[in-house]
Amino acid sequence: MKKRTVLVRNEELLFAENLKVLRKTHKPYLSQGRIAERLGVCRTTYINYEMGRRQAPAFFVAKAAKFFKVSADKMLYEKLWKE
């Protein structure tokens, strides 16, 4: 099987990391599968968004922002974790 090269922009990687941070800090804790279910995507798709393997479409960004009670702009353009 041939591997595909996917180019990912910095904003997409930031969104992916923010998605992971928000999931891990959400109370009560929810698995990737549970959050995927609540956001209307399959678990594999959610994992790909969280790992930055796939670009999340606008509808998903909007749903995730609403679910986590964060603005879509913050999810896309601001680092939501402390180092």
PDB file of N, CA and C in Angstrom:
ATOM      1  N   MET A   1       0.835  -1.170   0.000  1.00  0.00           N
ATOM      2  CA  MET A   1       0.000   0.000   0.000  1.00  0.00           C
ATOM      3  C   MET A   1       0.887   1.244   0.000  1.00  0.00           C
ATOM      4  N   LYS A   2       0.570   2.177  -0.859  1.00  0.00           N
ATOM      5  CA  LYS A   2       1.340   3.398  -1.007  1.00  0.00           C
ATOM      6  C   LYS A   2       0.939   4.410   0.063  1.00  0.00           C
ATOM      7  N   LYS A   3       1.941   5.020   0.711  1.00  0.00           N
ATOM      8  CA  LYS A   3       1.656   6.041   1.717  1.00  0.00           C
ATOM      9  C   LYS A   3       1.374   7.363   1.040  1.00  0.00           C
ATOM     10  N   ARG A   4       0.381   8.077   1.560  1.00  0.00           N
ATOM     11  CA  ARG A   4       0.064   9.406   1.045  1.00  0.00           C
ATOM     12  C   ARG A   4       0.746  10.444   1.912  1.00  0.00           C
ATOM     13  N   THR A   5       1.260  11.469   1.278  1.00  0.00           N
ATOM     14  CA  THR A   5       1.833  12.583   2.013  1.00  0.00           C
ATOM     15  C   THR A   5       0.759  13.639   2.183  1.00  0.00           C
ATOM     16  N   VAL A   6       0.571  14.056   3.411  1.00  0.00           N
ATOM     17  CA  VAL A   6      -0.437  15.070   3.700  1.00  0.00           C
ATOM     18  C   VAL A   6       0.281  16.286   4.270  1.00  0.00           C
ATOM     19  N   LEU A   7       0.066  17.428   3.640  1.00  0.00           N
ATOM     20  CA  LEU A   7       0.651  18.662   4.145  1.00  0.00           C
ATOM     21  C   LEU A   7      -0.328  19.299   5.115  1.00  0.00           C
ATOM     22  N   VAL A   8       0.165  19.654   6.277  1.00  0.00           N
ATOM     23  CA  VAL A   8      -0.689  20.215   7.311  1.00  0.00           C
ATOM     24  C   VAL A   8      -0.136  21.582   7.708  1.00  0.00           C
ATOM     25  N   ARG A   9      -1.015  22.564   7.796  1.00  0.00           N
ATOM     26  CA  ARG A   9      -0.605  23.913   8.192  1.00  0.00           C
ATOM     27  C   ARG A   9      -0.511  24.006   9.710  1.00  0.00           C
ATOM     28  N   ASN A  10       0.212  25.034  10.173  1.00  0.00           N
ATOM     29  CA  ASN A  10       0.372  25.246  11.619  1.00  0.00           C
ATOM     30  C   ASN A  10      -0.961  25.382  12.335  1.00  0.00           C
ATOM     31  N   GLU A  11      -1.940  26.066  11.703  1.00  0.00           N
ATOM     32  CA  GLU A  11      -3.247  26.239  12.342  1.00  0.00           C
ATOM     33  C   GLU A  11      -3.919  24.891  12.580  1.00  0.00           C
ATOM     34  N   GLU A  12      -3.734  23.983  11.638  1.00  0.00           N
ATOM     35  CA  GLU A  12      -4.355  22.667  11.772  1.00  0.00           C
ATOM     36  C   GLU A  12      -3.707  21.874  12.901  1.00  0.00           C
ATOM     37  N   LEU A  13      -2.387  22.006  13.041  1.00  0.00           N
ATOM     38  CA  LEU A  13      -1.711  21.322  14.140  1.00  0.00           C
ATOM     39  C   LEU A  13      -2.108  21.934  15.476  1.00  0.00           C
ATOM     40  N   LEU A  14      -2.271  23.240  15.509  1.00  0.00           N
ATOM     41  CA  LEU A  14      -2.709  23.911  16.728  1.00  0.00           C
ATOM     42  C   LEU A  14      -4.120  23.450  17.097  1.00  0.00           C
ATOM     43  N   PHE A  15      -5.006  23.382  16.121  1.00  0.00           N
ATOM     44  CA  PHE A  15      -6.364  22.896  16.373  1.00  0.00           C
ATOM     45  C   PHE A  15      -6.315  21.468  16.909  1.00  0.00           C
ATOM     46  N   ALA A  16      -5.497  20.625  16.306  1.00  0.00           N
ATOM     47  CA  ALA A  16      -5.393  19.224  16.727  1.00  0.00           C
ATOM     48  C   ALA A  16      -4.944  19.133  18.184  1.00  0.00           C
ATOM     49  N   GLU A  17      -3.913  19.881  18.536  1.00  0.00           N
ATOM     50  CA  GLU A  17      -3.414  19.847  19.910  1.00  0.00           C
ATOM     51  C   GLU A  17      -4.444  20.421  20.880  1.00  0.00           C
ATOM     52  N   ASN A  18      -5.109  21.502  20.488  1.00  0.00           N
ATOM     53  CA  ASN A  18      -6.157  22.077  21.333  1.00  0.00           C
ATOM     54  C   ASN A  18      -7.294  21.086  21.545  1.00  0.00           C
ATOM     55  N   LEU A  19      -7.663  20.373  20.498  1.00  0.00           N
ATOM     56  CA  LEU A  19      -8.727  19.373  20.593  1.00  0.00           C
ATOM     57  C   LEU A  19      -8.353  18.303  21.620  1.00  0.00           C
ATOM     58  N   LYS A  20      -7.110  17.856  21.572  1.00  0.00           N
ATOM     59  CA  LYS A  20      -6.640  16.835  22.511  1.00  0.00           C
ATOM     60  C   LYS A  20      -6.638  17.371  23.947  1.00  0.00           C
ATOM     61  N   VAL A  21      -6.126  18.586  24.130  1.00  0.00           N
ATOM     62  CA  VAL A  21      -6.071  19.190  25.463  1.00  0.00           C
ATOM     63  C   VAL A  21      -7.478  19.364  26.030  1.00  0.00           C
ATOM     64  N   LEU A  22      -8.395  19.859  25.217  1.00  0.00           N
ATOM     65  CA  LEU A  22      -9.769  20.063  25.682  1.00  0.00           C
ATOM     66  C   LEU A  22     -10.424  18.741  26.066  1.00  0.00           C
ATOM     67  N   ARG A  23     -10.173  17.694  25.281  1.00  0.00           N
ATOM     68  CA  ARG A  23     -10.750  16.382  25.609  1.00  0.00           C
ATOM     69  C   ARG A  23     -10.193  15.864  26.932  1.00  0.00           C
ATOM     70  N   LYS A  24      -8.879  15.975  27.095  1.00  0.00           N
ATOM     71  CA  LYS A  24      -8.250  15.414  28.294  1.00  0.00           C
ATOM     72  C   LYS A  24      -8.592  16.189  29.561  1.00  0.00           C
ATOM     73  N   THR A  25      -8.930  17.470  29.423  1.00  0.00           N
ATOM     74  CA  THR A  25      -9.246  18.277  30.606  1.00  0.00           C
ATOM     75  C   THR A  25     -10.750  18.424  30.824  1.00  0.00           C
ATOM     76  N   HIS A  26     -11.548  17.870  29.930  1.00  0.00           N
ATOM     77  CA  HIS A  26     -13.009  17.959  30.047  1.00  0.00           C
ATOM     78  C   HIS A  26     -13.481  17.169  31.259  1.00  0.00           C
ATOM     79  N   LYS A  27     -14.396  17.762  31.996  1.00  0.00           N
ATOM     80  CA  LYS A  27     -14.992  17.077  33.143  1.00  0.00           C
ATOM     81  C   LYS A  27     -16.459  16.850  32.865  1.00  0.00           C
ATOM     82  N   PRO A  28     -16.997  15.668  32.962  1.00  0.00           N
ATOM     83  CA  PRO A  28     -16.285  14.430  33.247  1.00  0.00           C
ATOM     84  C   PRO A  28     -15.463  13.995  32.034  1.00  0.00           C
ATOM     85  N   TYR A  29     -14.415  13.204  32.323  1.00  0.00           N
ATOM     86  CA  TYR A  29     -13.547  12.713  31.259  1.00  0.00           C
ATOM     87  C   TYR A  29     -14.358  11.888  30.267  1.00  0.00           C
ATOM     88  N   LEU A  30     -14.114  12.121  28.989  1.00  0.00           N
ATOM     89  CA  LEU A  30     -14.757  11.330  27.940  1.00  0.00           C
ATOM     90  C   LEU A  30     -13.687  10.784  27.005  1.00  0.00           C
ATOM     91  N   SER A  31     -13.868   9.560  26.566  1.00  0.00           N
ATOM     92  CA  SER A  31     -12.928   8.947  25.629  1.00  0.00           C
ATOM     93  C   SER A  31     -13.068   9.590  24.252  1.00  0.00           C
ATOM     94  N   GLN A  32     -12.103   9.316  23.392  1.00  0.00           N
ATOM     95  CA  GLN A  32     -12.179   9.812  22.015  1.00  0.00           C
ATOM     96  C   GLN A  32     -13.456   9.315  21.348  1.00  0.00           C
ATOM     97  N   GLY A  33     -13.807   8.070  21.595  1.00  0.00           N
ATOM     98  CA  GLY A  33     -15.012   7.499  21.000  1.00  0.00           C
ATOM     99  C   GLY A  33     -16.282   8.196  21.448  1.00  0.00           C
ATOM    100  N   ARG A  34     -16.366   8.504  22.746  1.00  0.00           N
ATOM    101  CA  ARG A  34     -17.556   9.190  23.276  1.00  0.00           C
ATOM    102  C   ARG A  34     -17.687  10.598  22.709  1.00  0.00           C
ATOM    103  N   ILE A  35     -16.572  11.314  22.650  1.00  0.00           N
ATOM    104  CA  ILE A  35     -16.625  12.674  22.107  1.00  0.00           C
ATOM    105  C   ILE A  35     -16.961  12.626  20.626  1.00  0.00           C
ATOM    106  N   ALA A  36     -16.369  11.694  19.902  1.00  0.00           N
ATOM    107  CA  ALA A  36     -16.674  11.544  18.473  1.00  0.00           C
ATOM    108  C   ALA A  36     -18.171  11.324  18.281  1.00  0.00           C
ATOM    109  N   GLU A  37     -18.730  10.461  19.108  1.00  0.00           N
ATOM    110  CA  GLU A  37     -20.167  10.164  19.049  1.00  0.00           C
ATOM    111  C   GLU A  37     -20.996  11.434  19.276  1.00  0.00           C
ATOM    112  N   ARG A  38     -20.626  12.198  20.280  1.00  0.00           N
ATOM    113  CA  ARG A  38     -21.364  13.429  20.593  1.00  0.00           C
ATOM    114  C   ARG A  38     -21.213  14.498  19.513  1.00  0.00           C
ATOM    115  N   LEU A  39     -20.084  14.458  18.791  1.00  0.00           N
ATOM    116  CA  LEU A  39     -19.849  15.453  17.741  1.00  0.00           C
ATOM    117  C   LEU A  39     -20.295  14.963  16.364  1.00  0.00           C
ATOM    118  N   GLY A  40     -20.805  13.741  16.306  1.00  0.00           N
ATOM    119  CA  GLY A  40     -21.383  13.239  15.067  1.00  0.00           C
ATOM    120  C   GLY A  40     -20.403  12.745  14.025  1.00  0.00           C
ATOM    121  N   VAL A  41     -19.232  12.269  14.484  1.00  0.00           N
ATOM    122  CA  VAL A  41     -18.264  11.680  13.550  1.00  0.00           C
ATOM    123  C   VAL A  41     -17.839  10.323  14.102  1.00  0.00           C
ATOM    124  N   CYS A  42     -17.258   9.490  13.254  1.00  0.00           N
ATOM    125  CA  CYS A  42     -16.793   8.191  13.752  1.00  0.00           C
ATOM    126  C   CYS A  42     -15.486   8.389  14.526  1.00  0.00           C
ATOM    127  N   ARG A  43     -15.177   7.440  15.374  1.00  0.00           N
ATOM    128  CA  ARG A  43     -13.999   7.512  16.240  1.00  0.00           C
ATOM    129  C   ARG A  43     -12.715   7.707  15.440  1.00  0.00           C
ATOM    130  N   THR A  44     -12.564   6.980  14.350  1.00  0.00           N
ATOM    131  CA  THR A  44     -11.360   7.081  13.522  1.00  0.00           C
ATOM    132  C   THR A  44     -11.192   8.486  12.961  1.00  0.00           C
ATOM    133  N   THR A  45     -12.281   9.069  12.508  1.00  0.00           N
ATOM    134  CA  THR A  45     -12.236  10.432  11.977  1.00  0.00           C
ATOM    135  C   THR A  45     -11.816  11.402  13.071  1.00  0.00           C
ATOM    136  N   TYR A  46     -12.412  11.260  14.250  1.00  0.00           N
ATOM    137  CA  TYR A  46     -12.057  12.134  15.374  1.00  0.00           C
ATOM    138  C   TYR A  46     -10.572  12.008  15.699  1.00  0.00           C
ATOM    139  N   ILE A  47     -10.080  10.788  15.772  1.00  0.00           N
ATOM    140  CA  ILE A  47      -8.662  10.564  16.083  1.00  0.00           C
ATOM    141  C   ILE A  47      -7.782  11.233  15.032  1.00  0.00           C
ATOM    142  N   ASN A  48      -8.162  11.129  13.770  1.00  0.00           N
ATOM    143  CA  ASN A  48      -7.386  11.780  12.713  1.00  0.00           C
ATOM    144  C   ASN A  48      -7.365  13.296  12.874  1.00  0.00           C
ATOM    145  N   TYR A  49      -8.466  13.887  13.287  1.00  0.00           N
ATOM    146  CA  TYR A  49      -8.493  15.332  13.553  1.00  0.00           C
ATOM    147  C   TYR A  49      -7.591  15.660  14.738  1.00  0.00           C
ATOM    148  N   GLU A  50      -7.684  14.866  15.794  1.00  0.00           N
ATOM    149  CA  GLU A  50      -6.920  15.124  17.013  1.00  0.00           C
ATOM    150  C   GLU A  50      -5.421  14.941  16.795  1.00  0.00           C
ATOM    151  N   MET A  51      -5.048  14.061  15.890  1.00  0.00           N
ATOM    152  CA  MET A  51      -3.632  13.828  15.615  1.00  0.00           C
ATOM    153  C   MET A  51      -3.105  14.710  14.480  1.00  0.00           C
ATOM    154  N   GLY A  52      -3.968  15.497  13.886  1.00  0.00           N
ATOM    155  CA  GLY A  52      -3.544  16.384  12.809  1.00  0.00           C
ATOM    156  C   GLY A  52      -3.333  15.687  11.485  1.00  0.00           C
ATOM    157  N   ARG A  53      -3.853  14.485  11.352  1.00  0.00           N
ATOM    158  CA  ARG A  53      -3.718  13.734  10.097  1.00  0.00           C
ATOM    159  C   ARG A  53      -4.698  14.199   9.037  1.00  0.00           C
ATOM    160  N   ARG A  54      -5.831  14.741   9.475  1.00  0.00           N
ATOM    161  CA  ARG A  54      -6.855  15.244   8.552  1.00  0.00           C
ATOM    162  C   ARG A  54      -7.278  16.629   8.987  1.00  0.00           C
ATOM    163  N   GLN A  55      -7.583  17.448   8.008  1.00  0.00           N
ATOM    164  CA  GLN A  55      -8.078  18.788   8.296  1.00  0.00           C
ATOM    165  C   GLN A  55      -9.550  18.689   8.677  1.00  0.00           C
ATOM    166  N   ALA A  56      -9.884  19.257   9.812  1.00  0.00           N
ATOM    167  CA  ALA A  56     -11.275  19.234  10.271  1.00  0.00           C
ATOM    168  C   ALA A  56     -12.089  20.252   9.480  1.00  0.00           C
ATOM    169  N   PRO A  57     -13.254  19.845   8.963  1.00  0.00           N
ATOM    170  CA  PRO A  57     -14.107  20.794   8.237  1.00  0.00           C
ATOM    171  C   PRO A  57     -14.745  21.803   9.193  1.00  0.00           C
ATOM    172  N   ALA A  58     -15.221  22.893   8.631  1.00  0.00           N
ATOM    173  CA  ALA A  58     -15.790  23.989   9.425  1.00  0.00           C
ATOM    174  C   ALA A  58     -16.922  23.519  10.336  1.00  0.00           C
ATOM    175  N   PHE A  59     -17.790  22.624   9.835  1.00  0.00           N
ATOM    176  CA  PHE A  59     -18.909  22.174  10.672  1.00  0.00           C
ATOM    177  C   PHE A  59     -18.398  21.478  11.935  1.00  0.00           C
ATOM    178  N   PHE A  60     -17.294  20.732  11.815  1.00  0.00           N
ATOM    179  CA  PHE A  60     -16.753  20.031  12.974  1.00  0.00           C
ATOM    180  C   PHE A  60     -16.118  21.011  13.953  1.00  0.00           C
ATOM    181  N   VAL A  61     -15.384  21.984  13.433  1.00  0.00           N
ATOM    182  CA  VAL A  61     -14.770  23.000  14.297  1.00  0.00           C
ATOM    183  C   VAL A  61     -15.859  23.713  15.097  1.00  0.00           C
ATOM    184  N   ALA A  62     -16.950  24.075  14.430  1.00  0.00           N
ATOM    185  CA  ALA A  62     -18.062  24.766  15.099  1.00  0.00           C
ATOM    186  C   ALA A  62     -18.699  23.881  16.170  1.00  0.00           C
ATOM    187  N   LYS A  63     -18.930  22.605  15.852  1.00  0.00           N
ATOM    188  CA  LYS A  63     -19.533  21.681  16.828  1.00  0.00           C
ATOM    189  C   LYS A  63     -18.611  21.463  18.027  1.00  0.00           C
ATOM    190  N   ALA A  64     -17.313  21.296  17.752  1.00  0.00           N
ATOM    191  CA  ALA A  64     -16.347  21.072  18.833  1.00  0.00           C
ATOM    192  C   ALA A  64     -16.258  22.303  19.728  1.00  0.00           C
ATOM    193  N   ALA A  65     -16.232  23.474  19.132  1.00  0.00           N
ATOM    194  CA  ALA A  65     -16.166  24.718  19.908  1.00  0.00           C
ATOM    195  C   ALA A  65     -17.384  24.840  20.821  1.00  0.00           C
ATOM    196  N   LYS A  66     -18.545  24.548  20.284  1.00  0.00           N
ATOM    197  CA  LYS A  66     -19.773  24.619  21.087  1.00  0.00           C
ATOM    198  C   LYS A  66     -19.747  23.576  22.214  1.00  0.00           C
ATOM    199  N   PHE A  67     -19.331  22.358  21.895  1.00  0.00           N
ATOM    200  CA  PHE A  67     -19.280  21.285  22.885  1.00  0.00           C
ATOM    201  C   PHE A  67     -18.341  21.638  24.043  1.00  0.00           C
ATOM    202  N   PHE A  68     -17.150  22.162  23.703  1.00  0.00           N
ATOM    203  CA  PHE A  68     -16.155  22.476  24.728  1.00  0.00           C
ATOM    204  C   PHE A  68     -16.317  23.884  25.314  1.00  0.00           C
ATOM    205  N   LYS A  69     -17.321  24.628  24.808  1.00  0.00           N
ATOM    206  CA  LYS A  69     -17.600  25.987  25.295  1.00  0.00           C
ATOM    207  C   LYS A  69     -16.393  26.912  25.135  1.00  0.00           C
ATOM    208  N   VAL A  70     -15.813  26.862  23.936  1.00  0.00           N
ATOM    209  CA  VAL A  70     -14.671  27.700  23.568  1.00  0.00           C
ATOM    210  C   VAL A  70     -14.985  28.263  22.193  1.00  0.00           C
ATOM    211  N   SER A  71     -14.508  29.461  21.899  1.00  0.00           N
ATOM    212  CA  SER A  71     -14.778  30.011  20.569  1.00  0.00           C
ATOM    213  C   SER A  71     -13.973  29.245  19.517  1.00  0.00           C
ATOM    214  N   ALA A  72     -14.516  29.168  18.329  1.00  0.00           N
ATOM    215  CA  ALA A  72     -13.822  28.497  17.226  1.00  0.00           C
ATOM    216  C   ALA A  72     -12.503  29.202  16.934  1.00  0.00           C
ATOM    217  N   ASP A  73     -12.487  30.532  17.033  1.00  0.00           N
ATOM    218  CA  ASP A  73     -11.245  31.281  16.809  1.00  0.00           C
ATOM    219  C   ASP A  73     -10.157  30.843  17.781  1.00  0.00           C
ATOM    220  N   LYS A  74     -10.516  30.684  19.046  1.00  0.00           N
ATOM    221  CA  LYS A  74      -9.526  30.242  20.038  1.00  0.00           C
ATOM    222  C   LYS A  74      -9.026  28.841  19.718  1.00  0.00           C
ATOM    223  N   MET A  75      -9.931  27.963  19.320  1.00  0.00           N
ATOM    224  CA  MET A  75      -9.520  26.593  18.994  1.00  0.00           C
ATOM    225  C   MET A  75      -8.554  26.567  17.816  1.00  0.00           C
ATOM    226  N   LEU A  76      -8.752  27.476  16.872  1.00  0.00           N
ATOM    227  CA  LEU A  76      -7.933  27.482  15.660  1.00  0.00           C
ATOM    228  C   LEU A  76      -6.628  28.264  15.796  1.00  0.00           C
ATOM    229  N   TYR A  77      -6.642  29.341  16.580  1.00  0.00           N
ATOM    230  CA  TYR A  77      -5.514  30.272  16.531  1.00  0.00           C
ATOM    231  C   TYR A  77      -4.797  30.529  17.849  1.00  0.00           C
ATOM    232  N   GLU A  78      -5.294  29.996  18.965  1.00  0.00           N
ATOM    233  CA  GLU A  78      -4.640  30.227  20.251  1.00  0.00           C
ATOM    234  C   GLU A  78      -4.250  28.909  20.903  1.00  0.00           C
ATOM    235  N   LYS A  79      -3.116  28.921  21.562  1.00  0.00           N
ATOM    236  CA  LYS A  79      -2.664  27.747  22.296  1.00  0.00           C
ATOM    237  C   LYS A  79      -3.457  27.683  23.598  1.00  0.00           C
ATOM    238  N   LEU A  80      -4.181  26.596  23.817  1.00  0.00           N
ATOM    239  CA  LEU A  80      -5.059  26.472  24.982  1.00  0.00           C
ATOM    240  C   LEU A  80      -4.445  25.644  26.112  1.00  0.00           C
ATOM    241  N   TRP A  81      -3.143  25.515  26.120  1.00  0.00           N
ATOM    242  CA  TRP A  81      -2.488  24.759  27.180  1.00  0.00           C
ATOM    243  C   TRP A  81      -1.275  25.540  27.665  1.00  0.00           C
ATOM    244  N   LYS A  82      -0.833  25.189  28.866  1.00  0.00           N
ATOM    245  CA  LYS A  82       0.362  25.806  29.447  1.00  0.00           C
ATOM    246  C   LYS A  82       1.485  24.795  29.417  1.00  0.00           C
ATOM    247  N   GLU A  83       2.665  25.295  29.153  1.00  0.00           N
ATOM    248  CA  GLU A  83       3.812  24.379  29.082  1.00  0.00           C
ATOM    249  C   GLU A  83       4.511  24.271  30.400  1.00  0.00           C
TER     250      GLU A  83
END
